[in-house]
């Protein structure tokens, strides 16, 4: 089971519309934690690890280079050097 700290939960709560533009899926930190655990979200510590995750999961990244991977809807910048990856 993943441990999501407050910084990660706040990031998802605040920015969830980038992945779910049709409307919020969570409205509290508790809901955010339950949702992230349910969809097996991961927290990684570098852009390289974001690339590694996408490659391991077989997610199509054709034509994407370098930091452009961070623009993917599934990638949330926690703001402290970590990235939350949520598969919608």
C-alpha atoms as a PDB file:
ATOM      1  CA  UNK A   1       0.000   0.000   0.000  1.00  0.00           C
ATOM      2  CA  UNK A   2       1.273   3.462  -0.821  1.00  0.00           C
ATOM      3  CA  UNK A   3       1.654   6.174   1.746  1.00  0.00           C
ATOM      4  CA  UNK A   4       0.533   9.525   0.409  1.00  0.00           C
ATOM      5  CA  UNK A   5       1.593  12.503   2.518  1.00  0.00           C
ATOM      6  CA  UNK A   6      -0.328  15.759   2.793  1.00  0.00           C
ATOM      7  CA  UNK A   7       1.704  17.461   0.044  1.00  0.00           C
ATOM      8  CA  UNK A   8       0.757  14.722  -2.432  1.00  0.00           C
ATOM      9  CA  UNK A   9      -2.898  14.692  -1.349  1.00  0.00           C
ATOM     10  CA  UNK A  10      -3.179  18.493  -1.524  1.00  0.00           C
ATOM     11  CA  UNK A  11      -1.598  18.461  -4.988  1.00  0.00           C
ATOM     12  CA  UNK A  12      -4.145  15.966  -6.294  1.00  0.00           C
ATOM     13  CA  UNK A  13      -7.081  17.660  -4.575  1.00  0.00           C
ATOM     14  CA  UNK A  14      -6.113  21.035  -6.066  1.00  0.00           C
ATOM     15  CA  UNK A  15      -5.204  19.835  -9.575  1.00  0.00           C
ATOM     16  CA  UNK A  16      -7.504  16.856 -10.187  1.00  0.00           C
ATOM     17  CA  UNK A  17      -9.297  18.682 -13.025  1.00  0.00           C
ATOM     18  CA  UNK A  18      -6.243  18.236 -15.286  1.00  0.00           C
ATOM     19  CA  UNK A  19      -7.066  14.506 -15.380  1.00  0.00           C
ATOM     20  CA  UNK A  20     -10.805  14.709 -14.712  1.00  0.00           C
ATOM     21  CA  UNK A  21     -12.063  17.854 -16.502  1.00  0.00           C
ATOM     22  CA  UNK A  22     -15.670  16.675 -16.248  1.00  0.00           C
ATOM     23  CA  UNK A  23     -15.683  17.372 -12.522  1.00  0.00           C
ATOM     24  CA  UNK A  24     -13.994  16.723  -9.216  1.00  0.00           C
ATOM     25  CA  UNK A  25     -13.682  13.103  -8.164  1.00  0.00           C
ATOM     26  CA  UNK A  26     -12.641  13.911  -4.584  1.00  0.00           C
ATOM     27  CA  UNK A  27     -13.484  16.738  -2.214  1.00  0.00           C
ATOM     28  CA  UNK A  28     -11.295  16.060   0.846  1.00  0.00           C
ATOM     29  CA  UNK A  29      -7.834  14.767   1.726  1.00  0.00           C
ATOM     30  CA  UNK A  30      -9.378  11.531   3.008  1.00  0.00           C
ATOM     31  CA  UNK A  31     -11.209  10.970  -0.276  1.00  0.00           C
ATOM     32  CA  UNK A  32      -8.049  11.827  -2.205  1.00  0.00           C
ATOM     33  CA  UNK A  33      -6.058   9.235  -0.270  1.00  0.00           C
ATOM     34  CA  UNK A  34      -8.683   6.525  -0.792  1.00  0.00           C
ATOM     35  CA  UNK A  35      -8.957   7.356  -4.499  1.00  0.00           C
ATOM     36  CA  UNK A  36      -5.193   7.336  -5.064  1.00  0.00           C
ATOM     37  CA  UNK A  37      -4.819   4.014  -3.263  1.00  0.00           C
ATOM     38  CA  UNK A  38      -7.690   2.523  -5.273  1.00  0.00           C
ATOM     39  CA  UNK A  39      -6.230   3.504  -8.642  1.00  0.00           C
ATOM     40  CA  UNK A  40      -2.708   2.468  -7.609  1.00  0.00           C
ATOM     41  CA  UNK A  41      -1.212   5.920  -8.053  1.00  0.00           C
ATOM     42  CA  UNK A  42       2.519   6.222  -7.520  1.00  0.00           C
ATOM     43  CA  UNK A  43       4.849   8.950  -6.309  1.00  0.00           C
ATOM     44  CA  UNK A  44       8.248   9.182  -7.975  1.00  0.00           C
ATOM     45  CA  UNK A  45      11.239  11.387  -7.287  1.00  0.00           C
ATOM     46  CA  UNK A  46      12.447  12.472 -10.709  1.00  0.00           C
ATOM     47  CA  UNK A  47      11.570  13.026 -14.351  1.00  0.00           C
ATOM     48  CA  UNK A  48      13.580   9.862 -15.152  1.00  0.00           C
ATOM     49  CA  UNK A  49      11.326   7.856 -12.829  1.00  0.00           C
ATOM     50  CA  UNK A  50       8.251   9.292 -14.591  1.00  0.00           C
ATOM     51  CA  UNK A  51       9.716   8.012 -17.893  1.00  0.00           C
ATOM     52  CA  UNK A  52      10.485   4.629 -16.309  1.00  0.00           C
ATOM     53  CA  UNK A  53       6.907   4.307 -15.057  1.00  0.00           C
ATOM     54  CA  UNK A  54       5.410   5.138 -18.473  1.00  0.00           C
ATOM     55  CA  UNK A  55       7.738   2.623 -20.145  1.00  0.00           C
ATOM     56  CA  UNK A  56       6.976  -0.127 -17.598  1.00  0.00           C
ATOM     57  CA  UNK A  57       3.235   0.433 -17.960  1.00  0.00           C
ATOM     58  CA  UNK A  58       3.445   0.468 -21.752  1.00  0.00           C
ATOM     59  CA  UNK A  59       1.933   3.940 -21.968  1.00  0.00           C
ATOM     60  CA  UNK A  60       2.375   5.463 -25.430  1.00  0.00           C
ATOM     61  CA  UNK A  61       4.885   8.318 -25.334  1.00  0.00           C
ATOM     62  CA  UNK A  62       5.695   8.564 -29.050  1.00  0.00           C
ATOM     63  CA  UNK A  63       6.960  12.002 -29.970  1.00  0.00           C
ATOM     64  CA  UNK A  64       7.420  13.076 -26.344  1.00  0.00           C
ATOM     65  CA  UNK A  65      10.880  14.284 -25.345  1.00  0.00           C
ATOM     66  CA  UNK A  66      12.537  15.181 -22.056  1.00  0.00           C
ATOM     67  CA  UNK A  67      10.459  17.204 -19.629  1.00  0.00           C
ATOM     68  CA  UNK A  68       7.465  17.141 -22.012  1.00  0.00           C
ATOM     69  CA  UNK A  69       6.466  13.930 -20.199  1.00  0.00           C
ATOM     70  CA  UNK A  70       5.467  16.154 -17.261  1.00  0.00           C
ATOM     71  CA  UNK A  71       2.715  17.685 -19.406  1.00  0.00           C
ATOM     72  CA  UNK A  72       0.847  14.365 -19.506  1.00  0.00           C
ATOM     73  CA  UNK A  73      -2.549  14.608 -17.813  1.00  0.00           C
ATOM     74  CA  UNK A  74      -1.593  11.710 -15.517  1.00  0.00           C
ATOM     75  CA  UNK A  75       1.446  13.506 -14.081  1.00  0.00           C
ATOM     76  CA  UNK A  76       1.050  15.933 -11.181  1.00  0.00           C
ATOM     77  CA  UNK A  77       3.987  18.054  -9.981  1.00  0.00           C
ATOM     78  CA  UNK A  78       3.890  17.867  -6.183  1.00  0.00           C
ATOM     79  CA  UNK A  79       6.153  20.928  -6.062  1.00  0.00           C
ATOM     80  CA  UNK A  80       8.999  19.459  -4.014  1.00  0.00           C
ATOM     81  CA  UNK A  81      10.767  17.514  -6.738  1.00  0.00           C
ATOM     82  CA  UNK A  82       8.316  14.616  -6.623  1.00  0.00           C
ATOM     83  CA  UNK A  83       5.649  13.681  -9.132  1.00  0.00           C
ATOM     84  CA  UNK A  84       2.357  11.920  -8.567  1.00  0.00           C
ATOM     85  CA  UNK A  85       1.268   9.641 -11.412  1.00  0.00           C
ATOM     86  CA  UNK A  86      -2.423   8.774 -11.556  1.00  0.00           C
ATOM     87  CA  UNK A  87      -3.819   6.481 -14.211  1.00  0.00           C
ATOM     88  CA  UNK A  88      -7.311   7.736 -14.969  1.00  0.00           C
END
